[in-house]
N, C-alpha and C. Protein backbone atom coordinates (compact mmCIF):
# COMPACT_ATOMS: atom_id res chain seq x y z
N MET A 1 -11.41 -1.68 18.18
CA MET A 1 -10.80 -1.68 16.86
C MET A 1 -9.67 -0.65 16.84
N ALA A 2 -8.56 -1.01 16.20
CA ALA A 2 -7.43 -0.09 16.09
C ALA A 2 -7.82 1.11 15.24
N SER A 3 -7.19 2.23 15.52
CA SER A 3 -7.54 3.45 14.80
C SER A 3 -7.08 3.39 13.36
N ASN A 4 -7.85 4.05 12.50
CA ASN A 4 -7.53 4.14 11.09
C ASN A 4 -6.25 4.96 10.95
N PRO A 5 -5.29 4.49 10.16
CA PRO A 5 -4.02 5.20 10.04
C PRO A 5 -4.10 6.49 9.22
N GLY A 6 -5.19 6.71 8.52
CA GLY A 6 -5.34 7.91 7.71
C GLY A 6 -5.48 7.57 6.24
N PRO A 7 -5.60 8.60 5.41
CA PRO A 7 -5.77 8.36 3.98
C PRO A 7 -4.64 7.49 3.42
N THR A 8 -5.04 6.42 2.74
CA THR A 8 -4.07 5.45 2.24
C THR A 8 -4.27 5.20 0.76
N ALA A 9 -3.16 5.15 0.03
CA ALA A 9 -3.16 4.76 -1.38
C ALA A 9 -2.31 3.52 -1.51
N ILE A 10 -2.83 2.51 -2.20
CA ILE A 10 -2.10 1.27 -2.41
C ILE A 10 -1.92 1.06 -3.91
N TYR A 11 -0.67 1.00 -4.34
CA TYR A 11 -0.33 0.77 -5.74
C TYR A 11 -0.10 -0.72 -5.91
N THR A 12 -0.91 -1.36 -6.77
CA THR A 12 -0.88 -2.80 -6.90
C THR A 12 -0.67 -3.22 -8.36
N ARG A 13 -0.42 -4.52 -8.52
CA ARG A 13 -0.41 -5.11 -9.85
C ARG A 13 -1.22 -6.40 -9.78
N PRO A 14 -1.90 -6.75 -10.86
CA PRO A 14 -2.70 -7.99 -10.87
C PRO A 14 -1.82 -9.20 -10.55
N GLY A 15 -2.36 -10.11 -9.73
CA GLY A 15 -1.68 -11.35 -9.40
C GLY A 15 -0.64 -11.25 -8.30
N CYS A 16 -0.52 -10.10 -7.67
CA CYS A 16 0.50 -9.88 -6.64
C CYS A 16 -0.03 -10.35 -5.27
N PRO A 17 0.57 -11.41 -4.68
CA PRO A 17 0.07 -11.91 -3.39
C PRO A 17 0.25 -10.92 -2.24
N TYR A 18 1.31 -10.13 -2.26
CA TYR A 18 1.51 -9.16 -1.18
C TYR A 18 0.53 -7.99 -1.31
N CYS A 19 0.13 -7.69 -2.53
CA CYS A 19 -0.90 -6.67 -2.74
C CYS A 19 -2.21 -7.14 -2.11
N THR A 20 -2.53 -8.41 -2.34
CA THR A 20 -3.74 -8.99 -1.77
C THR A 20 -3.66 -8.97 -0.24
N LYS A 21 -2.51 -9.30 0.34
CA LYS A 21 -2.36 -9.34 1.80
C LYS A 21 -2.62 -7.98 2.44
N ILE A 22 -2.04 -6.92 1.86
CA ILE A 22 -2.21 -5.61 2.49
C ILE A 22 -3.66 -5.13 2.33
N LYS A 23 -4.29 -5.45 1.20
CA LYS A 23 -5.70 -5.08 1.03
C LYS A 23 -6.59 -5.86 2.00
N GLU A 24 -6.28 -7.15 2.21
CA GLU A 24 -7.04 -7.96 3.18
C GLU A 24 -6.89 -7.40 4.59
N LEU A 25 -5.69 -6.94 4.94
CA LEU A 25 -5.48 -6.34 6.25
C LEU A 25 -6.38 -5.12 6.42
N TYR A 26 -6.35 -4.23 5.43
CA TYR A 26 -7.18 -3.02 5.50
C TYR A 26 -8.66 -3.37 5.53
N ASN A 27 -9.09 -4.30 4.68
CA ASN A 27 -10.50 -4.68 4.66
C ASN A 27 -10.91 -5.31 5.99
N GLY A 28 -10.05 -6.14 6.57
CA GLY A 28 -10.35 -6.80 7.84
C GLY A 28 -10.50 -5.82 8.99
N LYS A 29 -9.77 -4.71 8.92
CA LYS A 29 -9.85 -3.68 9.96
C LYS A 29 -10.97 -2.67 9.69
N GLY A 30 -11.57 -2.77 8.49
CA GLY A 30 -12.62 -1.82 8.13
C GLY A 30 -12.05 -0.46 7.71
N TRP A 31 -10.78 -0.43 7.35
CA TRP A 31 -10.13 0.81 6.93
C TRP A 31 -10.31 0.99 5.43
N THR A 32 -10.47 2.22 5.01
CA THR A 32 -10.63 2.51 3.60
C THR A 32 -9.28 2.83 2.97
N TYR A 33 -9.19 2.64 1.68
CA TYR A 33 -7.98 2.95 0.93
C TYR A 33 -8.37 3.18 -0.52
N SER A 34 -7.50 3.84 -1.24
CA SER A 34 -7.65 4.00 -2.69
C SER A 34 -6.65 3.06 -3.33
N GLU A 35 -7.13 2.27 -4.28
CA GLU A 35 -6.25 1.33 -4.97
C GLU A 35 -5.96 1.84 -6.38
N PHE A 36 -4.69 1.80 -6.75
CA PHE A 36 -4.25 2.17 -8.08
C PHE A 36 -3.59 0.94 -8.69
N VAL A 37 -4.10 0.51 -9.84
CA VAL A 37 -3.70 -0.77 -10.43
C VAL A 37 -2.84 -0.55 -11.68
N LEU A 38 -1.71 -1.27 -11.73
CA LEU A 38 -0.81 -1.23 -12.88
C LEU A 38 -1.59 -1.60 -14.14
N GLY A 39 -1.40 -0.82 -15.19
CA GLY A 39 -2.08 -1.08 -16.45
C GLY A 39 -3.44 -0.44 -16.56
N ARG A 40 -4.03 -0.06 -15.43
CA ARG A 40 -5.31 0.62 -15.44
C ARG A 40 -5.13 2.09 -15.03
N ASN A 41 -4.39 2.33 -13.95
CA ASN A 41 -4.23 3.68 -13.42
C ASN A 41 -2.84 4.27 -13.64
N PHE A 42 -1.86 3.41 -13.95
CA PHE A 42 -0.50 3.89 -14.16
C PHE A 42 0.28 2.85 -14.95
N THR A 43 1.42 3.29 -15.49
CA THR A 43 2.31 2.40 -16.25
C THR A 43 3.52 2.05 -15.39
N LYS A 44 4.30 1.07 -15.82
CA LYS A 44 5.53 0.72 -15.09
C LYS A 44 6.50 1.90 -15.03
N PRO A 45 6.72 2.63 -16.15
CA PRO A 45 7.61 3.79 -16.05
C PRO A 45 7.12 4.83 -15.04
N GLN A 46 5.82 5.06 -14.97
CA GLN A 46 5.29 6.01 -13.98
C GLN A 46 5.52 5.49 -12.56
N PHE A 47 5.33 4.18 -12.36
CA PHE A 47 5.55 3.57 -11.05
C PHE A 47 7.00 3.75 -10.61
N TYR A 48 7.94 3.40 -11.50
CA TYR A 48 9.36 3.52 -11.16
C TYR A 48 9.79 4.98 -11.00
N ASN A 49 9.17 5.86 -11.75
CA ASN A 49 9.47 7.29 -11.60
C ASN A 49 9.06 7.78 -10.21
N GLN A 50 7.93 7.30 -9.72
CA GLN A 50 7.43 7.74 -8.41
C GLN A 50 8.14 7.06 -7.25
N PHE A 51 8.41 5.74 -7.38
CA PHE A 51 8.91 4.97 -6.24
C PHE A 51 10.36 4.52 -6.36
N GLY A 52 10.96 4.69 -7.52
CA GLY A 52 12.36 4.30 -7.71
C GLY A 52 12.46 3.00 -8.49
N GLN A 53 13.60 2.82 -9.16
CA GLN A 53 13.80 1.67 -10.04
C GLN A 53 13.72 0.32 -9.32
N GLY A 54 14.10 0.24 -8.09
CA GLY A 54 14.07 -1.04 -7.37
C GLY A 54 12.77 -1.31 -6.64
N ALA A 55 11.78 -0.47 -6.82
CA ALA A 55 10.52 -0.62 -6.08
C ALA A 55 9.79 -1.89 -6.49
N THR A 56 9.14 -2.51 -5.51
CA THR A 56 8.34 -3.71 -5.74
C THR A 56 6.89 -3.42 -5.39
N PHE A 57 6.02 -4.35 -5.74
CA PHE A 57 4.59 -4.21 -5.45
C PHE A 57 4.24 -4.96 -4.18
N PRO A 58 3.30 -4.42 -3.39
CA PRO A 58 2.65 -3.13 -3.53
C PRO A 58 3.56 -2.01 -3.02
N GLN A 59 3.16 -0.78 -3.30
CA GLN A 59 3.72 0.38 -2.63
C GLN A 59 2.56 1.08 -1.95
N VAL A 60 2.76 1.46 -0.70
CA VAL A 60 1.69 2.03 0.11
C VAL A 60 2.08 3.43 0.56
N LEU A 61 1.13 4.34 0.45
CA LEU A 61 1.30 5.70 0.97
C LEU A 61 0.23 5.91 2.04
N ILE A 62 0.65 6.37 3.20
CA ILE A 62 -0.27 6.69 4.29
C ILE A 62 -0.04 8.15 4.64
N ASN A 63 -1.10 8.93 4.58
CA ASN A 63 -1.01 10.38 4.82
C ASN A 63 0.04 11.02 3.91
N GLY A 64 0.14 10.53 2.67
CA GLY A 64 1.08 11.08 1.71
C GLY A 64 2.52 10.63 1.88
N ARG A 65 2.79 9.79 2.88
CA ARG A 65 4.14 9.30 3.16
C ARG A 65 4.28 7.88 2.63
N VAL A 66 5.33 7.63 1.86
CA VAL A 66 5.58 6.28 1.35
C VAL A 66 6.03 5.41 2.52
N THR A 67 5.26 4.36 2.80
CA THR A 67 5.64 3.43 3.87
C THR A 67 6.32 2.19 3.32
N GLY A 68 6.27 1.98 2.02
CA GLY A 68 6.94 0.85 1.39
C GLY A 68 5.99 -0.24 0.98
N GLY A 69 6.50 -1.48 0.97
CA GLY A 69 5.71 -2.63 0.57
C GLY A 69 4.87 -3.17 1.72
N CYS A 70 4.37 -4.38 1.55
CA CYS A 70 3.49 -5.00 2.54
C CYS A 70 4.17 -5.13 3.90
N THR A 71 5.35 -5.74 3.94
CA THR A 71 6.05 -5.98 5.20
C THR A 71 6.40 -4.67 5.90
N GLU A 72 6.92 -3.71 5.14
CA GLU A 72 7.30 -2.41 5.72
C GLU A 72 6.07 -1.66 6.24
N THR A 73 4.96 -1.79 5.52
CA THR A 73 3.74 -1.10 5.95
C THR A 73 3.18 -1.70 7.23
N VAL A 74 3.19 -3.03 7.33
CA VAL A 74 2.74 -3.68 8.57
C VAL A 74 3.62 -3.24 9.74
N LYS A 75 4.92 -3.21 9.53
CA LYS A 75 5.85 -2.74 10.58
C LYS A 75 5.52 -1.30 10.98
N TYR A 76 5.31 -0.44 10.00
CA TYR A 76 4.95 0.96 10.26
C TYR A 76 3.66 1.04 11.07
N LEU A 77 2.64 0.28 10.68
CA LEU A 77 1.35 0.30 11.38
C LEU A 77 1.50 -0.19 12.82
N MET A 78 2.38 -1.17 13.04
CA MET A 78 2.62 -1.65 14.40
C MET A 78 3.35 -0.60 15.23
N GLU A 79 4.35 0.04 14.64
CA GLU A 79 5.10 1.08 15.35
C GLU A 79 4.21 2.25 15.74
N LYS A 80 3.23 2.56 14.88
CA LYS A 80 2.33 3.69 15.14
C LYS A 80 1.10 3.26 15.94
N LYS A 81 1.09 2.01 16.41
CA LYS A 81 0.04 1.47 17.29
C LYS A 81 -1.33 1.36 16.60
N HIS A 82 -1.32 1.16 15.27
CA HIS A 82 -2.58 0.92 14.56
C HIS A 82 -2.92 -0.56 14.55
N LEU A 83 -1.93 -1.40 14.80
CA LEU A 83 -2.14 -2.86 14.86
C LEU A 83 -1.75 -3.36 16.23
């Protein structure tokens, strides 16, 4: 099994297919993550304040570093040899 990339936070919104994909990837690898859901844990203004006005869902932080959305996070995990 590939090594766990470290503490991960995933910012999601209900109904987001890319949010589901990144969570399925983590669940499939047995990696843990903290999920923060729009409308439950944060508001849109808080999301844009943290990630920028053009940010899309999901946004992923690994070891406190913003890795971006689903595609960018998968690329990061491959570059770091976690996948």
